[in-house]
Amino acid sequence: MAWHRQAPGKKREAVAHIFSAGSTKYAD
């Protein structure tokens, strides 16, 4: 699962991911 975001005039970017085992990954 993941959250992404898109600001006006910008490309969609990944914000955070969470994987089935519970590990996570975040944008800086």
PDB file of all heavy atoms in Angstrom:
ATOM      1  N   MET A   1       0.842  -1.189   0.000  1.00  0.00           N
ATOM      2  CA  MET A   1       0.000   0.000   0.000  1.00  0.00           C
ATOM      3  C   MET A   1       0.878   1.239   0.000  1.00  0.00           C
ATOM      4  O   MET A   1       1.998   1.212   0.515  1.00  0.00           O
ATOM      5  CB  MET A   1      -0.896   0.006   1.245  1.00  0.00           C
ATOM      6  CG  MET A   1      -1.817  -1.184   1.343  1.00  0.00           C
ATOM      7  SD  MET A   1      -2.733  -1.172   2.905  1.00  0.00           S
ATOM      8  CE  MET A   1      -3.724  -2.661   2.717  1.00  0.00           C
ATOM      9  N   ALA A   2       0.356   2.298  -0.551  1.00  0.00           N
ATOM     10  CA  ALA A   2       1.148   3.514  -0.633  1.00  0.00           C
ATOM     11  C   ALA A   2       0.250   4.744  -0.669  1.00  0.00           C
ATOM     12  O   ALA A   2      -0.927   4.661  -1.045  1.00  0.00           O
ATOM     13  CB  ALA A   2       2.029   3.499  -1.886  1.00  0.00           C
ATOM     14  N   TRP A   3       0.830   5.864  -0.260  1.00  0.00           N
ATOM     15  CA  TRP A   3       0.217   7.169  -0.434  1.00  0.00           C
ATOM     16  C   TRP A   3       1.085   7.947  -1.425  1.00  0.00           C
ATOM     17  O   TRP A   3       2.311   7.957  -1.326  1.00  0.00           O
ATOM     18  CB  TRP A   3       0.145   7.925   0.878  1.00  0.00           C
ATOM     19  CG  TRP A   3      -0.873   7.410   1.831  1.00  0.00           C
ATOM     20  CD1 TRP A   3      -0.675   6.546   2.863  1.00  0.00           C
ATOM     21  CD2 TRP A   3      -2.269   7.714   1.839  1.00  0.00           C
ATOM     22  NE1 TRP A   3      -1.852   6.295   3.503  1.00  0.00           N
ATOM     23  CE2 TRP A   3      -2.855   7.000   2.900  1.00  0.00           C
ATOM     24  CE3 TRP A   3      -3.101   8.529   1.056  1.00  0.00           C
ATOM     25  CZ2 TRP A   3      -4.220   7.075   3.204  1.00  0.00           C
ATOM     26  CZ3 TRP A   3      -4.451   8.602   1.344  1.00  0.00           C
ATOM     27  CH2 TRP A   3      -4.991   7.879   2.410  1.00  0.00           C
ATOM     28  N   HIS A   4       0.409   8.613  -2.343  1.00  0.00           N
ATOM     29  CA  HIS A   4       1.071   9.490  -3.300  1.00  0.00           C
ATOM     30  C   HIS A   4       0.402  10.860  -3.201  1.00  0.00           C
ATOM     31  O   HIS A   4      -0.699  10.975  -2.668  1.00  0.00           O
ATOM     32  CB  HIS A   4       0.898   8.965  -4.733  1.00  0.00           C
ATOM     33  CG  HIS A   4       1.406   7.579  -4.937  1.00  0.00           C
ATOM     34  ND1 HIS A   4       2.574   7.302  -5.621  1.00  0.00           N
ATOM     35  CD2 HIS A   4       0.909   6.381  -4.546  1.00  0.00           C
ATOM     36  CE1 HIS A   4       2.756   5.989  -5.649  1.00  0.00           C
ATOM     37  NE2 HIS A   4       1.766   5.413  -5.001  1.00  0.00           N
ATOM     38  N   ARG A   5       1.056  11.869  -3.735  1.00  0.00           N
ATOM     39  CA  ARG A   5       0.427  13.188  -3.762  1.00  0.00           C
ATOM     40  C   ARG A   5       0.801  13.925  -5.038  1.00  0.00           C
ATOM     41  O   ARG A   5       1.838  13.657  -5.647  1.00  0.00           O
ATOM     42  CB  ARG A   5       0.838  14.020  -2.548  1.00  0.00           C
ATOM     43  CG  ARG A   5       2.299  14.405  -2.498  1.00  0.00           C
ATOM     44  CD  ARG A   5       2.603  15.123  -1.187  1.00  0.00           C
ATOM     45  NE  ARG A   5       4.001  15.525  -1.104  1.00  0.00           N
ATOM     46  CZ  ARG A   5       4.559  16.041  -0.018  1.00  0.00           C
ATOM     47  NH1 ARG A   5       3.833  16.196   1.107  1.00  0.00           N
ATOM     48  NH2 ARG A   5       5.832  16.408  -0.025  1.00  0.00           N
ATOM     49  N   GLN A   6      -0.085  14.842  -5.408  1.00  0.00           N
ATOM     50  CA  GLN A   6       0.170  15.658  -6.582  1.00  0.00           C
ATOM     51  C   GLN A   6      -0.233  17.090  -6.292  1.00  0.00           C
ATOM     52  O   GLN A   6      -1.406  17.376  -6.026  1.00  0.00           O
ATOM     53  CB  GLN A   6      -0.576  15.132  -7.807  1.00  0.00           C
ATOM     54  CG  GLN A   6      -0.207  15.859  -9.085  1.00  0.00           C
ATOM     55  CD  GLN A   6      -0.694  15.138 -10.325  1.00  0.00           C
ATOM     56  OE1 GLN A   6      -1.589  14.292 -10.272  1.00  0.00           O
ATOM     57  NE2 GLN A   6      -0.090  15.447 -11.480  1.00  0.00           N
ATOM     58  N   ALA A   7       0.755  17.971  -6.330  1.00  0.00           N
ATOM     59  CA  ALA A   7       0.511  19.399  -6.141  1.00  0.00           C
ATOM     60  C   ALA A   7       0.233  20.045  -7.499  1.00  0.00           C
ATOM     61  O   ALA A   7       0.662  19.518  -8.529  1.00  0.00           O
ATOM     62  CB  ALA A   7       1.722  20.044  -5.473  1.00  0.00           C
ATOM     63  N   PRO A   8      -0.451  21.185  -7.514  1.00  0.00           N
ATOM     64  CA  PRO A   8      -0.749  21.860  -8.781  1.00  0.00           C
ATOM     65  C   PRO A   8       0.513  22.130  -9.590  1.00  0.00           C
ATOM     66  O   PRO A   8       1.495  22.665  -9.056  1.00  0.00           O
ATOM     67  CB  PRO A   8      -1.405  23.168  -8.329  1.00  0.00           C
ATOM     68  CG  PRO A   8      -1.994  22.854  -7.007  1.00  0.00           C
ATOM     69  CD  PRO A   8      -1.038  21.878  -6.373  1.00  0.00           C
ATOM     70  N   GLY A   9       0.506  21.727 -10.855  1.00  0.00           N
ATOM     71  CA  GLY A   9       1.635  21.973 -11.741  1.00  0.00           C
ATOM     72  C   GLY A   9       2.820  21.059 -11.536  1.00  0.00           C
ATOM     73  O   GLY A   9       3.869  21.247 -12.155  1.00  0.00           O
ATOM     74  N   LYS A  10       2.667  20.067 -10.651  1.00  0.00           N
ATOM     75  CA  LYS A  10       3.782  19.152 -10.376  1.00  0.00           C
ATOM     76  C   LYS A  10       3.393  17.717 -10.689  1.00  0.00           C
ATOM     77  O   LYS A  10       2.214  17.377 -10.779  1.00  0.00           O
ATOM     78  CB  LYS A  10       4.220  19.271  -8.910  1.00  0.00           C
ATOM     79  CG  LYS A  10       4.810  20.618  -8.561  1.00  0.00           C
ATOM     80  CD  LYS A  10       5.404  20.599  -7.168  1.00  0.00           C
ATOM     81  CE  LYS A  10       6.071  21.924  -6.848  1.00  0.00           C
ATOM     82  NZ  LYS A  10       6.686  21.927  -5.480  1.00  0.00           N
ATOM     83  N   LYS A  11       4.400  16.868 -10.839  1.00  0.00           N
ATOM     84  CA  LYS A  11       4.159  15.450 -11.089  1.00  0.00           C
ATOM     85  C   LYS A  11       3.714  14.758  -9.800  1.00  0.00           C
ATOM     86  O   LYS A  11       4.057  15.200  -8.694  1.00  0.00           O
ATOM     87  CB  LYS A  11       5.441  14.784 -11.615  1.00  0.00           C
ATOM     88  CG  LYS A  11       5.858  15.223 -13.009  1.00  0.00           C
ATOM     89  CD  LYS A  11       7.098  14.477 -13.468  1.00  0.00           C
ATOM     90  CE  LYS A  11       7.509  14.904 -14.867  1.00  0.00           C
ATOM     91  NZ  LYS A  11       8.735  14.182 -15.327  1.00  0.00           N
ATOM     92  N   ARG A  12       2.971  13.675  -9.956  1.00  0.00           N
ATOM     93  CA  ARG A  12       2.591  12.885  -8.794  1.00  0.00           C
ATOM     94  C   ARG A  12       3.853  12.244  -8.207  1.00  0.00           C
ATOM     95  O   ARG A  12       4.707  11.747  -8.941  1.00  0.00           O
ATOM     96  CB  ARG A  12       1.594  11.794  -9.196  1.00  0.00           C
ATOM     97  CG  ARG A  12       1.001  11.043  -8.040  1.00  0.00           C
ATOM     98  CD  ARG A  12      -0.095  10.090  -8.493  1.00  0.00           C
ATOM     99  NE  ARG A  12      -1.226  10.790  -9.080  1.00  0.00           N
ATOM    100  CZ  ARG A  12      -2.363  10.179  -9.400  1.00  0.00           C
ATOM    101  NH1 ARG A  12      -2.523   8.885  -9.196  1.00  0.00           N
ATOM    102  NH2 ARG A  12      -3.338  10.868  -9.944  1.00  0.00           N
ATOM    103  N   GLU A  13       3.944  12.256  -6.883  1.00  0.00           N
ATOM    104  CA  GLU A  13       5.106  11.678  -6.212  1.00  0.00           C
ATOM    105  C   GLU A  13       4.657  10.729  -5.109  1.00  0.00           C
ATOM    106  O   GLU A  13       3.628  10.931  -4.471  1.00  0.00           O
ATOM    107  CB  GLU A  13       5.996  12.777  -5.614  1.00  0.00           C
ATOM    108  CG  GLU A  13       5.334  13.609  -4.540  1.00  0.00           C
ATOM    109  CD  GLU A  13       6.283  14.559  -3.824  1.00  0.00           C
ATOM    110  OE1 GLU A  13       7.514  14.446  -3.984  1.00  0.00           O
ATOM    111  OE2 GLU A  13       5.791  15.422  -3.080  1.00  0.00           O
ATOM    112  N   ALA A  14       5.482   9.704  -4.897  1.00  0.00           N
ATOM    113  CA  ALA A  14       5.216   8.757  -3.814  1.00  0.00           C
ATOM    114  C   ALA A  14       5.625   9.395  -2.488  1.00  0.00           C
ATOM    115  O   ALA A  14       6.708   9.979  -2.378  1.00  0.00           O
ATOM    116  CB  ALA A  14       5.972   7.475  -4.040  1.00  0.00           C
ATOM    117  N   VAL A  15       4.760   9.283  -1.504  1.00  0.00           N
ATOM    118  CA  VAL A  15       5.012   9.859  -0.179  1.00  0.00           C
ATOM    119  C   VAL A  15       5.477   8.782   0.797  1.00  0.00           C
ATOM    120  O   VAL A  15       6.459   8.966   1.510  1.00  0.00           O
ATOM    121  CB  VAL A  15       3.737  10.533   0.350  1.00  0.00           C
ATOM    122  CG1 VAL A  15       3.927  11.000   1.788  1.00  0.00           C
ATOM    123  CG2 VAL A  15       3.341  11.704  -0.543  1.00  0.00           C
ATOM    124  N   ALA A  16       4.767   7.656   0.807  1.00  0.00           N
ATOM    125  CA  ALA A  16       5.092   6.589   1.757  1.00  0.00           C
ATOM    126  C   ALA A  16       4.539   5.276   1.242  1.00  0.00           C
ATOM    127  O   ALA A  16       3.491   5.245   0.587  1.00  0.00           O
ATOM    128  CB  ALA A  16       4.508   6.901   3.133  1.00  0.00           C
ATOM    129  N   HIS A  17       5.263   4.202   1.566  1.00  0.00           N
ATOM    130  CA  HIS A  17       4.832   2.845   1.234  1.00  0.00           C
ATOM    131  C   HIS A  17       4.819   2.017   2.508  1.00  0.00           C
ATOM    132  O   HIS A  17       5.649   2.225   3.401  1.00  0.00           O
ATOM    133  CB  HIS A  17       5.803   2.178   0.269  1.00  0.00           C
ATOM    134  CG  HIS A  17       5.886   2.811  -1.082  1.00  0.00           C
ATOM    135  ND1 HIS A  17       5.258   2.293  -2.197  1.00  0.00           N
ATOM    136  CD2 HIS A  17       6.538   3.923  -1.507  1.00  0.00           C
ATOM    137  CE1 HIS A  17       5.529   3.051  -3.239  1.00  0.00           C
ATOM    138  NE2 HIS A  17       6.301   4.044  -2.852  1.00  0.00           N
ATOM    139  N   ILE A  18       3.911   1.047   2.563  1.00  0.00           N
ATOM    140  CA  ILE A  18       3.960   0.045   3.621  1.00  0.00           C
ATOM    141  C   ILE A  18       3.726  -1.307   2.973  1.00  0.00           C
ATOM    142  O   ILE A  18       2.779  -1.493   2.201  1.00  0.00           O
ATOM    143  CB  ILE A  18       2.955   0.337   4.753  1.00  0.00           C
ATOM    144  CG1 ILE A  18       3.128  -0.679   5.884  1.00  0.00           C
ATOM    145  CG2 ILE A  18       1.513   0.386   4.252  1.00  0.00           C
ATOM    146  CD1 ILE A  18       2.440  -0.251   7.179  1.00  0.00           C
ATOM    147  N   PHE A  19       4.604  -2.249   3.265  1.00  0.00           N
ATOM    148  CA  PHE A  19       4.588  -3.544   2.602  1.00  0.00           C
ATOM    149  C   PHE A  19       3.896  -4.567   3.473  1.00  0.00           C
ATOM    150  O   PHE A  19       3.576  -4.309   4.642  1.00  0.00           O
ATOM    151  CB  PHE A  19       6.017  -3.911   2.231  1.00  0.00           C
ATOM    152  CG  PHE A  19       6.674  -2.872   1.359  1.00  0.00           C
ATOM    153  CD1 PHE A  19       7.525  -1.922   1.899  1.00  0.00           C
ATOM    154  CD2 PHE A  19       6.389  -2.808   0.003  1.00  0.00           C
ATOM    155  CE1 PHE A  19       8.102  -0.937   1.097  1.00  0.00           C
ATOM    156  CE2 PHE A  19       6.959  -1.829  -0.801  1.00  0.00           C
ATOM    157  CZ  PHE A  19       7.800  -0.895  -0.260  1.00  0.00           C
ATOM    158  N   SER A  20       3.644  -5.744   2.908  1.00  0.00           N
ATOM    159  CA  SER A  20       2.806  -6.718   3.596  1.00  0.00           C
ATOM    160  C   SER A  20       3.387  -7.142   4.944  1.00  0.00           C
ATOM    161  O   SER A  20       2.639  -7.431   5.876  1.00  0.00           O
ATOM    162  CB  SER A  20       2.582  -7.944   2.709  1.00  0.00           C
ATOM    163  OG  SER A  20       3.816  -8.520   2.334  1.00  0.00           O
ATOM    164  N   ALA A  21       4.715  -7.163   5.054  1.00  0.00           N
ATOM    165  CA  ALA A  21       5.347  -7.557   6.315  1.00  0.00           C
ATOM    166  C   ALA A  21       5.410  -6.407   7.318  1.00  0.00           C
ATOM    167  O   ALA A  21       5.877  -6.602   8.448  1.00  0.00           O
ATOM    168  CB  ALA A  21       6.747  -8.109   6.057  1.00  0.00           C
ATOM    169  N   GLY A  22       4.974  -5.222   6.878  1.00  0.00           N
ATOM    170  CA  GLY A  22       4.949  -4.081   7.789  1.00  0.00           C
ATOM    171  C   GLY A  22       6.078  -3.093   7.632  1.00  0.00           C
ATOM    172  O   GLY A  22       6.076  -2.029   8.267  1.00  0.00           O
ATOM    173  N   SER A  23       7.046  -3.406   6.784  1.00  0.00           N
ATOM    174  CA  SER A  23       8.126  -2.446   6.589  1.00  0.00           C
ATOM    175  C   SER A  23       7.605  -1.224   5.847  1.00  0.00           C
ATOM    176  O   SER A  23       6.616  -1.298   5.122  1.00  0.00           O
ATOM    177  CB  SER A  23       9.277  -3.088   5.822  1.00  0.00           C
ATOM    178  OG  SER A  23       8.840  -3.547   4.557  1.00  0.00           O
ATOM    179  N   THR A  24       8.289  -0.119   6.035  1.00  0.00           N
ATOM    180  CA  THR A  24       7.832   1.155   5.469  1.00  0.00           C
ATOM    181  C   THR A  24       8.966   1.863   4.733  1.00  0.00           C
ATOM    182  O   THR A  24      10.147   1.611   4.957  1.00  0.00           O
ATOM    183  CB  THR A  24       7.291   2.093   6.559  1.00  0.00           C
ATOM    184  OG1 THR A  24       8.323   2.309   7.530  1.00  0.00           O
ATOM    185  CG2 THR A  24       6.078   1.495   7.251  1.00  0.00           C
ATOM    186  N   LYS A  25       8.558   2.782   3.872  1.00  0.00           N
ATOM    187  CA  LYS A  25       9.512   3.584   3.114  1.00  0.00           C
ATOM    188  C   LYS A  25       8.890   4.956   2.926  1.00  0.00           C
ATOM    189  O   LYS A  25       7.704   5.061   2.629  1.00  0.00           O
ATOM    190  CB  LYS A  25       9.782   2.931   1.756  1.00  0.00           C
ATOM    191  CG  LYS A  25      10.760   3.668   0.874  1.00  0.00           C
ATOM    192  CD  LYS A  25      10.928   2.927  -0.459  1.00  0.00           C
ATOM    193  CE  LYS A  25      11.851   3.661  -1.402  1.00  0.00           C
ATOM    194  NZ  LYS A  25      11.989   2.940  -2.704  1.00  0.00           N
ATOM    195  N   TYR A  26       9.705   6.010   3.133  1.00  0.00           N
ATOM    196  CA  TYR A  26       9.196   7.374   3.060  1.00  0.00           C
ATOM    197  C   TYR A  26      10.014   8.230   2.094  1.00  0.00           C
ATOM    198  O   TYR A  26      11.226   8.039   1.945  1.00  0.00           O
ATOM    199  CB  TYR A  26       9.244   8.037   4.434  1.00  0.00           C
ATOM    200  CG  TYR A  26       8.332   7.406   5.452  1.00  0.00           C
ATOM    201  CD1 TYR A  26       8.810   6.412   6.306  1.00  0.00           C
ATOM    202  CD2 TYR A  26       7.001   7.809   5.565  1.00  0.00           C
ATOM    203  CE1 TYR A  26       7.969   5.818   7.233  1.00  0.00           C
ATOM    204  CE2 TYR A  26       6.158   7.230   6.502  1.00  0.00           C
ATOM    205  CZ  TYR A  26       6.648   6.234   7.336  1.00  0.00           C
ATOM    206  OH  TYR A  26       5.819   5.652   8.262  1.00  0.00           O
ATOM    207  N   ALA A  27       9.351   9.198   1.495  1.00  0.00           N
ATOM    208  CA  ALA A  27      10.068  10.211   0.749  1.00  0.00           C
ATOM    209  C   ALA A  27      10.874  11.054   1.741  1.00  0.00           C
ATOM    210  O   ALA A  27      10.438  11.262   2.884  1.00  0.00           O
ATOM    211  CB  ALA A  27       9.091  11.103  -0.010  1.00  0.00           C
ATOM    212  N   ASP A  28      12.025  11.538   1.320  1.00  0.00           N
ATOM    213  CA  ASP A  28      12.880  12.330   2.204  1.00  0.00           C
ATOM    214  C   ASP A  28      12.137  13.545   2.748  1.00  0.00           C
ATOM    215  O   ASP A  28      12.350  13.963   3.892  1.00  0.00           O
ATOM    216  CB  ASP A  28      14.139  12.781   1.466  1.00  0.00           C
ATOM    217  CG  ASP A  28      15.113  11.638   1.216  1.00  0.00           C
ATOM    218  OD1 ASP A  28      14.977  10.594   1.883  1.00  0.00           O
ATOM    219  OD2 ASP A  28      15.992  11.796   0.354  1.00  0.00           O
TER     220      ASP A  28
END
